[in-house]
Amino acid sequence: MKKAIITVLAVLTIIVTAMAPAAKMDAKAAADQTSTMNARLLADINNLRAEQGLPALTLDSELNSYAAVRSEEINTVWSHTRPNGTSGADMISSTKWRGENLSYITYGSFGFSDSEQNNAADSVFASLKASPSHYSNMVSGNYTKIGIYTYVANTGSGVKLCTAYMFSN
């Protein structure tokens, strides 16, 4: 009996260990599936800027990498203060204009269709636009570049989409 329990525990340990990297990969794959949402958010921000007579922001790979880090961080700690105690915008050089917007939305289920991503983008953008500080970042003439990244978290009750927007010049 004792040998059977040890064997079962060993098999369960192997299964859990094998599945853990797959779960991480699934979250990464799901984040890659939010490209429609991120593109829509960029278009919405640039349309808002055009309404204000401002030039469009260009997508920047360095700012995207910062946004990727921040979107994952806000999944666990919802704050403009990073887990290390610094401001999220501090990731950007202090010699540049810098700003950060954060958002999240949760769904019981989310299939990543273009329609679902566009609806999520509409909801998130409306919230950002209604917030004076977030609106200010989106229409600041000091910014010329942006990074947008959405981290996908599978929660016990559904999907949480955490998006970070990093602004600079």
N, C-alpha and C. Protein backbone atom coordinates (compact mmCIF):
# COMPACT_ATOMS: atom_id res chain seq x y z
N MET A 1 0.83 -1.19 0.00
CA MET A 1 0.00 0.00 0.00
C MET A 1 0.87 1.25 0.00
N LYS A 2 1.91 1.26 0.87
CA LYS A 2 2.79 2.41 0.96
C LYS A 2 3.53 2.64 -0.36
N LYS A 3 3.96 1.55 -1.01
CA LYS A 3 4.65 1.65 -2.28
C LYS A 3 3.71 2.19 -3.36
N ALA A 4 2.45 1.79 -3.33
CA ALA A 4 1.47 2.27 -4.30
C ALA A 4 1.23 3.77 -4.13
N ILE A 5 1.16 4.25 -2.90
CA ILE A 5 0.96 5.69 -2.64
C ILE A 5 2.17 6.48 -3.14
N ILE A 6 3.36 5.98 -2.88
CA ILE A 6 4.57 6.66 -3.34
C ILE A 6 4.60 6.71 -4.86
N THR A 7 4.20 5.63 -5.51
CA THR A 7 4.16 5.59 -6.98
C THR A 7 3.16 6.60 -7.52
N VAL A 8 1.99 6.67 -6.91
CA VAL A 8 0.96 7.63 -7.34
C VAL A 8 1.46 9.05 -7.15
N LEU A 9 2.09 9.34 -6.01
CA LEU A 9 2.62 10.68 -5.78
C LEU A 9 3.71 11.03 -6.79
N ALA A 10 4.55 10.09 -7.13
CA ALA A 10 5.61 10.33 -8.11
C ALA A 10 5.01 10.64 -9.47
N VAL A 11 4.00 9.88 -9.86
CA VAL A 11 3.34 10.12 -11.15
C VAL A 11 2.67 11.49 -11.15
N LEU A 12 1.98 11.84 -10.07
CA LEU A 12 1.33 13.16 -9.99
C LEU A 12 2.36 14.29 -10.06
N THR A 13 3.50 14.11 -9.40
CA THR A 13 4.55 15.12 -9.45
C THR A 13 5.05 15.31 -10.88
N ILE A 14 5.22 14.23 -11.60
CA ILE A 14 5.68 14.31 -12.99
C ILE A 14 4.62 15.02 -13.85
N ILE A 15 3.37 14.69 -13.65
CA ILE A 15 2.28 15.32 -14.42
C ILE A 15 2.22 16.82 -14.14
N VAL A 16 2.25 17.20 -12.88
CA VAL A 16 2.18 18.62 -12.52
C VAL A 16 3.39 19.37 -13.06
N THR A 17 4.57 18.78 -12.93
CA THR A 17 5.79 19.42 -13.43
C THR A 17 5.72 19.58 -14.95
N ALA A 18 5.24 18.58 -15.63
CA ALA A 18 5.14 18.66 -17.09
C ALA A 18 4.11 19.68 -17.53
N MET A 19 3.05 19.85 -16.77
CA MET A 19 1.99 20.77 -17.14
C MET A 19 2.33 22.22 -16.82
N ALA A 20 3.14 22.49 -15.84
CA ALA A 20 3.43 23.86 -15.44
C ALA A 20 4.01 24.70 -16.58
N PRO A 21 5.04 24.22 -17.30
CA PRO A 21 5.54 25.02 -18.42
C PRO A 21 4.48 25.20 -19.50
N ALA A 22 3.64 24.20 -19.71
CA ALA A 22 2.59 24.32 -20.72
C ALA A 22 1.61 25.41 -20.34
N ALA A 23 1.27 25.53 -19.07
CA ALA A 23 0.36 26.58 -18.64
C ALA A 23 0.97 27.95 -18.90
N LYS A 24 2.25 28.09 -18.66
CA LYS A 24 2.95 29.36 -18.93
C LYS A 24 2.92 29.64 -20.43
N MET A 25 3.17 28.62 -21.24
CA MET A 25 3.15 28.81 -22.68
C MET A 25 1.76 29.17 -23.16
N ASP A 26 0.73 28.56 -22.57
CA ASP A 26 -0.63 28.88 -22.96
C ASP A 26 -0.94 30.34 -22.68
N ALA A 27 -0.47 30.88 -21.56
CA ALA A 27 -0.69 32.29 -21.24
C ALA A 27 0.02 33.17 -22.26
N LYS A 28 1.25 32.79 -22.65
CA LYS A 28 2.00 33.54 -23.65
C LYS A 28 1.27 33.48 -24.99
N ALA A 29 0.83 32.30 -25.37
CA ALA A 29 0.11 32.15 -26.64
C ALA A 29 -1.17 32.98 -26.63
N ALA A 30 -1.85 32.98 -25.49
CA ALA A 30 -3.07 33.78 -25.38
C ALA A 30 -2.77 35.26 -25.49
N ALA A 31 -1.65 35.71 -24.90
CA ALA A 31 -1.26 37.12 -25.01
C ALA A 31 -0.99 37.48 -26.47
N ASP A 32 -0.40 36.58 -27.22
CA ASP A 32 -0.17 36.82 -28.64
C ASP A 32 -1.49 36.94 -29.40
N GLN A 33 -2.53 36.33 -28.87
CA GLN A 33 -3.84 36.38 -29.51
C GLN A 33 -4.59 37.68 -29.25
N THR A 34 -3.99 38.62 -28.54
CA THR A 34 -4.66 39.90 -28.28
C THR A 34 -4.18 40.98 -29.24
N SER A 35 -3.56 40.59 -30.34
CA SER A 35 -3.04 41.58 -31.28
C SER A 35 -4.14 42.45 -31.88
N THR A 36 -5.32 41.89 -32.10
CA THR A 36 -6.44 42.68 -32.63
C THR A 36 -6.84 43.74 -31.61
N MET A 37 -6.91 43.35 -30.35
CA MET A 37 -7.28 44.29 -29.29
C MET A 37 -6.26 45.42 -29.20
N ASN A 38 -4.98 45.07 -29.20
CA ASN A 38 -3.93 46.08 -29.07
C ASN A 38 -3.91 47.01 -30.28
N ALA A 39 -4.11 46.48 -31.47
CA ALA A 39 -4.15 47.31 -32.67
C ALA A 39 -5.35 48.26 -32.62
N ARG A 40 -6.47 47.76 -32.13
CA ARG A 40 -7.66 48.60 -32.01
C ARG A 40 -7.44 49.73 -31.00
N LEU A 41 -6.80 49.40 -29.87
CA LEU A 41 -6.51 50.43 -28.86
C LEU A 41 -5.58 51.50 -29.44
N LEU A 42 -4.57 51.10 -30.18
CA LEU A 42 -3.67 52.06 -30.80
C LEU A 42 -4.45 52.95 -31.79
N ALA A 43 -5.31 52.34 -32.59
CA ALA A 43 -6.11 53.11 -33.56
C ALA A 43 -7.03 54.08 -32.84
N ASP A 44 -7.66 53.63 -31.76
CA ASP A 44 -8.56 54.50 -31.00
C ASP A 44 -7.81 55.69 -30.39
N ILE A 45 -6.63 55.42 -29.83
CA ILE A 45 -5.82 56.50 -29.25
C ILE A 45 -5.41 57.48 -30.34
N ASN A 46 -4.98 56.96 -31.49
CA ASN A 46 -4.56 57.85 -32.57
C ASN A 46 -5.73 58.61 -33.18
N ASN A 47 -6.91 58.02 -33.22
CA ASN A 47 -8.10 58.75 -33.68
C ASN A 47 -8.42 59.89 -32.71
N LEU A 48 -8.31 59.64 -31.42
CA LEU A 48 -8.53 60.67 -30.42
C LEU A 48 -7.52 61.80 -30.58
N ARG A 49 -6.28 61.43 -30.82
CA ARG A 49 -5.24 62.44 -31.02
C ARG A 49 -5.52 63.26 -32.28
N ALA A 50 -5.97 62.61 -33.34
CA ALA A 50 -6.29 63.32 -34.59
C ALA A 50 -7.42 64.33 -34.36
N GLU A 51 -8.40 63.95 -33.54
CA GLU A 51 -9.50 64.86 -33.21
C GLU A 51 -8.98 66.12 -32.51
N GLN A 52 -7.84 66.00 -31.82
CA GLN A 52 -7.23 67.12 -31.11
C GLN A 52 -6.16 67.82 -31.95
N GLY A 53 -6.02 67.39 -33.22
CA GLY A 53 -5.02 67.99 -34.10
C GLY A 53 -3.60 67.55 -33.80
N LEU A 54 -3.45 66.41 -33.17
CA LEU A 54 -2.12 65.89 -32.79
C LEU A 54 -1.69 64.77 -33.73
N PRO A 55 -0.39 64.62 -33.93
CA PRO A 55 0.08 63.52 -34.78
C PRO A 55 -0.12 62.16 -34.10
N ALA A 56 -0.17 61.14 -34.92
CA ALA A 56 -0.34 59.78 -34.42
C ALA A 56 0.90 59.33 -33.65
N LEU A 57 0.69 58.50 -32.67
CA LEU A 57 1.79 57.85 -31.95
C LEU A 57 2.27 56.66 -32.77
N THR A 58 3.57 56.44 -32.77
CA THR A 58 4.10 55.26 -33.44
C THR A 58 4.39 54.18 -32.41
N LEU A 59 4.18 52.95 -32.81
CA LEU A 59 4.44 51.82 -31.93
C LEU A 59 5.95 51.62 -31.83
N ASP A 60 6.45 51.49 -30.61
CA ASP A 60 7.88 51.40 -30.35
C ASP A 60 8.19 50.08 -29.66
N SER A 61 9.17 49.34 -30.18
CA SER A 61 9.48 48.01 -29.64
C SER A 61 10.01 48.07 -28.21
N GLU A 62 10.82 49.07 -27.88
CA GLU A 62 11.33 49.18 -26.52
C GLU A 62 10.18 49.46 -25.54
N LEU A 63 9.29 50.37 -25.91
CA LEU A 63 8.13 50.66 -25.05
C LEU A 63 7.21 49.45 -24.96
N ASN A 64 7.11 48.68 -26.06
CA ASN A 64 6.31 47.44 -26.00
C ASN A 64 6.89 46.47 -24.99
N SER A 65 8.22 46.39 -24.92
CA SER A 65 8.83 45.46 -23.96
C SER A 65 8.56 45.92 -22.53
N TYR A 66 8.57 47.23 -22.29
CA TYR A 66 8.22 47.73 -20.96
C TYR A 66 6.75 47.44 -20.65
N ALA A 67 5.90 47.63 -21.65
CA ALA A 67 4.47 47.38 -21.45
C ALA A 67 4.22 45.90 -21.16
N ALA A 68 4.99 45.02 -21.78
CA ALA A 68 4.84 43.58 -21.51
C ALA A 68 5.14 43.27 -20.04
N VAL A 69 6.21 43.86 -19.53
CA VAL A 69 6.57 43.66 -18.12
C VAL A 69 5.48 44.22 -17.22
N ARG A 70 5.06 45.44 -17.49
CA ARG A 70 4.07 46.10 -16.63
C ARG A 70 2.71 45.39 -16.67
N SER A 71 2.30 44.91 -17.84
CA SER A 71 1.00 44.25 -17.92
C SER A 71 0.97 42.96 -17.10
N GLU A 72 2.10 42.28 -17.03
CA GLU A 72 2.17 41.08 -16.18
C GLU A 72 2.22 41.47 -14.71
N GLU A 73 2.94 42.54 -14.38
CA GLU A 73 3.03 42.98 -12.98
C GLU A 73 1.66 43.40 -12.44
N ILE A 74 0.88 44.10 -13.24
CA ILE A 74 -0.41 44.59 -12.73
C ILE A 74 -1.44 43.49 -12.57
N ASN A 75 -1.15 42.33 -13.15
CA ASN A 75 -2.04 41.19 -12.91
C ASN A 75 -2.03 40.79 -11.44
N THR A 76 -0.87 40.95 -10.79
CA THR A 76 -0.77 40.54 -9.38
C THR A 76 -0.85 41.72 -8.42
N VAL A 77 -0.33 42.90 -8.83
CA VAL A 77 -0.37 44.09 -7.98
C VAL A 77 -0.92 45.24 -8.82
N TRP A 78 -2.18 45.60 -8.57
CA TRP A 78 -2.82 46.64 -9.36
C TRP A 78 -2.39 48.01 -8.83
N SER A 79 -1.36 48.58 -9.49
CA SER A 79 -0.81 49.85 -9.03
C SER A 79 0.13 50.42 -10.09
N HIS A 80 0.29 51.75 -10.08
CA HIS A 80 1.32 52.37 -10.91
C HIS A 80 2.69 52.23 -10.25
N THR A 81 2.72 51.74 -9.02
CA THR A 81 3.97 51.44 -8.34
C THR A 81 4.32 49.98 -8.63
N ARG A 82 5.51 49.76 -9.12
CA ARG A 82 5.97 48.42 -9.46
C ARG A 82 6.26 47.62 -8.19
N PRO A 83 6.35 46.31 -8.30
CA PRO A 83 6.70 45.48 -7.14
C PRO A 83 8.02 45.89 -6.47
N ASN A 84 8.94 46.49 -7.23
CA ASN A 84 10.22 46.91 -6.64
C ASN A 84 10.15 48.30 -6.01
N GLY A 85 8.95 48.92 -6.00
CA GLY A 85 8.76 50.21 -5.35
C GLY A 85 8.92 51.43 -6.25
N THR A 86 9.38 51.23 -7.49
CA THR A 86 9.52 52.36 -8.41
C THR A 86 8.22 52.57 -9.18
N SER A 87 8.12 53.71 -9.84
CA SER A 87 6.97 53.99 -10.69
C SER A 87 7.11 53.23 -12.00
N GLY A 88 6.00 52.83 -12.57
CA GLY A 88 6.04 52.15 -13.86
C GLY A 88 6.70 53.01 -14.93
N ALA A 89 6.41 54.30 -14.94
CA ALA A 89 6.99 55.20 -15.94
C ALA A 89 8.51 55.33 -15.77
N ASP A 90 9.03 54.97 -14.59
CA ASP A 90 10.47 55.04 -14.37
C ASP A 90 11.26 54.05 -15.22
N MET A 91 10.57 53.13 -15.87
CA MET A 91 11.24 52.20 -16.77
C MET A 91 11.81 52.97 -17.97
N ILE A 92 11.21 54.10 -18.29
CA ILE A 92 11.60 54.93 -19.42
C ILE A 92 12.64 55.94 -18.93
N SER A 93 13.63 56.22 -19.76
CA SER A 93 14.70 57.16 -19.40
C SER A 93 14.14 58.48 -18.89
N SER A 94 14.75 58.99 -17.82
CA SER A 94 14.31 60.26 -17.23
C SER A 94 14.65 61.45 -18.13
N THR A 95 15.39 61.23 -19.19
CA THR A 95 15.70 62.31 -20.12
C THR A 95 14.59 62.50 -21.16
N LYS A 96 13.56 61.67 -21.09
CA LYS A 96 12.46 61.73 -22.05
C LYS A 96 11.15 62.01 -21.32
N TRP A 97 10.16 62.47 -22.08
CA TRP A 97 8.80 62.52 -21.55
C TRP A 97 8.36 61.08 -21.35
N ARG A 98 7.63 60.81 -20.28
CA ARG A 98 7.23 59.43 -20.02
C ARG A 98 5.91 59.39 -19.28
N GLY A 99 5.11 58.39 -19.62
CA GLY A 99 3.83 58.22 -18.97
C GLY A 99 3.36 56.79 -19.09
N GLU A 100 2.38 56.46 -18.26
CA GLU A 100 1.88 55.09 -18.22
C GLU A 100 0.38 55.12 -17.97
N ASN A 101 -0.36 54.37 -18.77
CA ASN A 101 -1.76 54.07 -18.50
C ASN A 101 -1.87 52.57 -18.28
N LEU A 102 -2.76 52.17 -17.40
CA LEU A 102 -3.01 50.76 -17.12
C LEU A 102 -4.50 50.50 -17.16
N SER A 103 -4.87 49.30 -17.62
CA SER A 103 -6.28 48.93 -17.61
C SER A 103 -6.39 47.41 -17.48
N TYR A 104 -7.55 46.97 -17.03
CA TYR A 104 -7.84 45.54 -17.09
C TYR A 104 -9.33 45.35 -17.23
N ILE A 105 -9.68 44.21 -17.77
CA ILE A 105 -11.08 43.83 -17.92
C ILE A 105 -11.15 42.33 -17.73
N THR A 106 -12.22 41.85 -17.12
CA THR A 106 -12.35 40.41 -16.88
C THR A 106 -13.60 39.87 -17.56
N TYR A 107 -13.50 38.64 -17.97
CA TYR A 107 -14.60 37.94 -18.63
C TYR A 107 -14.72 36.54 -18.04
N GLY A 108 -15.94 36.04 -17.94
CA GLY A 108 -16.14 34.66 -17.52
C GLY A 108 -15.52 33.69 -18.50
N SER A 109 -15.65 34.02 -19.79
CA SER A 109 -14.98 33.26 -20.84
C SER A 109 -14.62 34.24 -21.95
N PHE A 110 -13.56 33.93 -22.64
CA PHE A 110 -13.08 34.82 -23.69
C PHE A 110 -12.41 33.96 -24.74
N GLY A 111 -12.91 34.00 -25.97
CA GLY A 111 -12.41 33.12 -27.02
C GLY A 111 -11.38 33.75 -27.95
N PHE A 112 -11.06 35.04 -27.75
CA PHE A 112 -10.06 35.76 -28.53
C PHE A 112 -10.46 35.99 -29.99
N SER A 113 -11.75 35.93 -30.28
CA SER A 113 -12.18 36.27 -31.64
C SER A 113 -11.97 37.77 -31.85
N ASP A 114 -11.91 38.18 -33.10
CA ASP A 114 -11.74 39.61 -33.39
C ASP A 114 -12.88 40.41 -32.78
N SER A 115 -14.08 39.88 -32.84
CA SER A 115 -15.24 40.57 -32.27
C SER A 115 -15.10 40.77 -30.76
N GLU A 116 -14.67 39.71 -30.05
CA GLU A 116 -14.48 39.81 -28.60
C GLU A 116 -13.37 40.80 -28.26
N GLN A 117 -12.29 40.76 -29.03
CA GLN A 117 -11.18 41.67 -28.77
C GLN A 117 -11.59 43.13 -29.03
N ASN A 118 -12.36 43.36 -30.11
CA ASN A 118 -12.82 44.72 -30.40
C ASN A 118 -13.76 45.22 -29.31
N ASN A 119 -14.63 44.35 -28.81
CA ASN A 119 -15.53 44.75 -27.72
C ASN A 119 -14.75 45.07 -26.45
N ALA A 120 -13.73 44.27 -26.15
CA ALA A 120 -12.89 44.54 -24.98
C ALA A 120 -12.17 45.87 -25.15
N ALA A 121 -11.63 46.12 -26.35
CA ALA A 121 -10.94 47.38 -26.61
C ALA A 121 -11.90 48.56 -26.46
N ASP A 122 -13.13 48.43 -26.94
CA ASP A 122 -14.11 49.50 -26.80
C ASP A 122 -14.37 49.83 -25.33
N SER A 123 -14.54 48.79 -24.52
CA SER A 123 -14.82 48.99 -23.09
C SER A 123 -13.64 49.64 -22.38
N VAL A 124 -12.46 49.14 -22.64
CA VAL A 124 -11.26 49.66 -21.98
C VAL A 124 -11.01 51.10 -22.42
N PHE A 125 -11.11 51.37 -23.72
CA PHE A 125 -10.84 52.71 -24.22
C PHE A 125 -11.83 53.73 -23.66
N ALA A 126 -13.10 53.34 -23.56
CA ALA A 126 -14.11 54.25 -22.99
C ALA A 126 -13.75 54.61 -21.55
N SER A 127 -13.27 53.64 -20.78
CA SER A 127 -12.87 53.90 -19.40
C SER A 127 -11.66 54.82 -19.34
N LEU A 128 -10.68 54.59 -20.19
CA LEU A 128 -9.49 55.43 -20.21
C LEU A 128 -9.84 56.86 -20.61
N LYS A 129 -10.70 56.98 -21.60
CA LYS A 129 -11.08 58.31 -22.10
C LYS A 129 -11.86 59.09 -21.04
N ALA A 130 -12.61 58.40 -20.21
CA ALA A 130 -13.41 59.05 -19.17
C ALA A 130 -12.58 59.48 -17.96
N SER A 131 -11.37 59.00 -17.86
CA SER A 131 -10.48 59.33 -16.73
C SER A 131 -9.58 60.50 -17.13
N PRO A 132 -9.66 61.64 -16.42
CA PRO A 132 -8.85 62.80 -16.81
C PRO A 132 -7.35 62.53 -16.92
N SER A 133 -6.78 61.78 -15.99
CA SER A 133 -5.33 61.55 -16.06
C SER A 133 -4.95 60.62 -17.22
N HIS A 134 -5.77 59.61 -17.47
CA HIS A 134 -5.49 58.71 -18.59
C HIS A 134 -5.70 59.43 -19.93
N TYR A 135 -6.77 60.22 -19.99
CA TYR A 135 -7.05 61.01 -21.19
C TYR A 135 -5.87 61.95 -21.49
N SER A 136 -5.36 62.58 -20.45
CA SER A 136 -4.24 63.51 -20.60
C SER A 136 -3.03 62.83 -21.23
N ASN A 137 -2.72 61.62 -20.80
CA ASN A 137 -1.60 60.90 -21.41
C ASN A 137 -1.87 60.62 -22.89
N MET A 138 -3.09 60.23 -23.21
CA MET A 138 -3.40 59.86 -24.59
C MET A 138 -3.32 61.04 -25.54
N VAL A 139 -3.61 62.26 -25.05
CA VAL A 139 -3.62 63.42 -25.94
C VAL A 139 -2.46 64.39 -25.67
N SER A 140 -1.46 63.97 -24.93
CA SER A 140 -0.32 64.83 -24.67
C SER A 140 0.51 65.01 -25.95
N GLY A 141 0.77 66.26 -26.28
CA GLY A 141 1.61 66.56 -27.43
C GLY A 141 3.08 66.24 -27.19
N ASN A 142 3.44 65.96 -25.94
CA ASN A 142 4.83 65.61 -25.62
C ASN A 142 5.20 64.20 -26.09
N TYR A 143 4.21 63.36 -26.30
CA TYR A 143 4.47 61.97 -26.65
C TYR A 143 4.42 61.77 -28.16
N THR A 144 5.35 60.95 -28.66
CA THR A 144 5.38 60.60 -30.08
C THR A 144 5.36 59.09 -30.29
N LYS A 145 5.61 58.34 -29.21
CA LYS A 145 5.71 56.88 -29.30
C LYS A 145 4.87 56.23 -28.20
N ILE A 146 4.51 54.99 -28.45
CA ILE A 146 3.73 54.23 -27.47
C ILE A 146 4.11 52.75 -27.54
N GLY A 147 3.96 52.07 -26.43
CA GLY A 147 4.03 50.62 -26.37
C GLY A 147 2.74 50.13 -25.75
N ILE A 148 2.13 49.12 -26.32
CA ILE A 148 0.88 48.55 -25.79
C ILE A 148 1.05 47.04 -25.74
N TYR A 149 0.73 46.47 -24.58
CA TYR A 149 0.82 45.02 -24.44
C TYR A 149 -0.27 44.55 -23.50
N THR A 150 -0.91 43.46 -23.86
CA THR A 150 -1.96 42.87 -23.03
C THR A 150 -1.51 41.51 -22.53
N TYR A 151 -1.49 41.37 -21.21
CA TYR A 151 -1.16 40.09 -20.56
C TYR A 151 -2.47 39.37 -20.27
N VAL A 152 -2.52 38.10 -20.57
CA VAL A 152 -3.72 37.30 -20.36
C VAL A 152 -3.52 36.41 -19.15
N ALA A 153 -4.40 36.57 -18.16
CA ALA A 153 -4.33 35.75 -16.95
C ALA A 153 -5.58 34.88 -16.89
N ASN A 154 -5.37 33.60 -16.79
CA ASN A 154 -6.48 32.68 -16.60
C ASN A 154 -6.73 32.57 -15.10
N THR A 155 -7.87 33.10 -14.67
CA THR A 155 -8.22 33.06 -13.25
C THR A 155 -9.12 31.86 -13.00
N GLY A 156 -9.42 31.61 -11.78
CA GLY A 156 -10.32 30.50 -11.46
C GLY A 156 -11.73 30.72 -12.00
N SER A 157 -12.08 31.97 -12.27
CA SER A 157 -13.44 32.25 -12.72
C SER A 157 -13.50 32.83 -14.13
N GLY A 158 -12.39 32.81 -14.87
CA GLY A 158 -12.42 33.33 -16.23
C GLY A 158 -11.08 33.87 -16.68
N VAL A 159 -11.15 34.91 -17.51
CA VAL A 159 -9.97 35.49 -18.13
C VAL A 159 -9.87 36.96 -17.75
N LYS A 160 -8.68 37.38 -17.37
CA LYS A 160 -8.41 38.78 -17.04
C LYS A 160 -7.40 39.30 -18.07
N LEU A 161 -7.77 40.38 -18.75
CA LEU A 161 -6.90 41.00 -19.74
C LEU A 161 -6.31 42.27 -19.12
N CYS A 162 -5.02 42.26 -18.86
CA CYS A 162 -4.31 43.38 -18.23
C CYS A 162 -3.48 44.07 -19.30
N THR A 163 -3.76 45.35 -19.55
CA THR A 163 -3.07 46.08 -20.61
C THR A 163 -2.29 47.25 -20.03
N ALA A 164 -1.05 47.39 -20.49
CA ALA A 164 -0.21 48.53 -20.11
C ALA A 164 0.09 49.33 -21.38
N TYR A 165 0.09 50.64 -21.21
CA TYR A 165 0.35 51.59 -22.30
C TYR A 165 1.50 52.46 -21.82
N MET A 166 2.63 52.42 -22.49
CA MET A 166 3.80 53.20 -22.10
C MET A 166 4.01 54.29 -23.16
N PHE A 167 4.06 55.55 -22.70
CA PHE A 167 4.18 56.71 -23.59
C PHE A 167 5.54 57.35 -23.44
N SER A 168 6.11 57.85 -24.56
CA SER A 168 7.38 58.57 -24.51
C SER A 168 7.55 59.37 -25.81
N ASN A 169 8.72 59.96 -25.92
CA ASN A 169 9.05 60.70 -27.13
C ASN A 169 10.35 60.19 -27.72
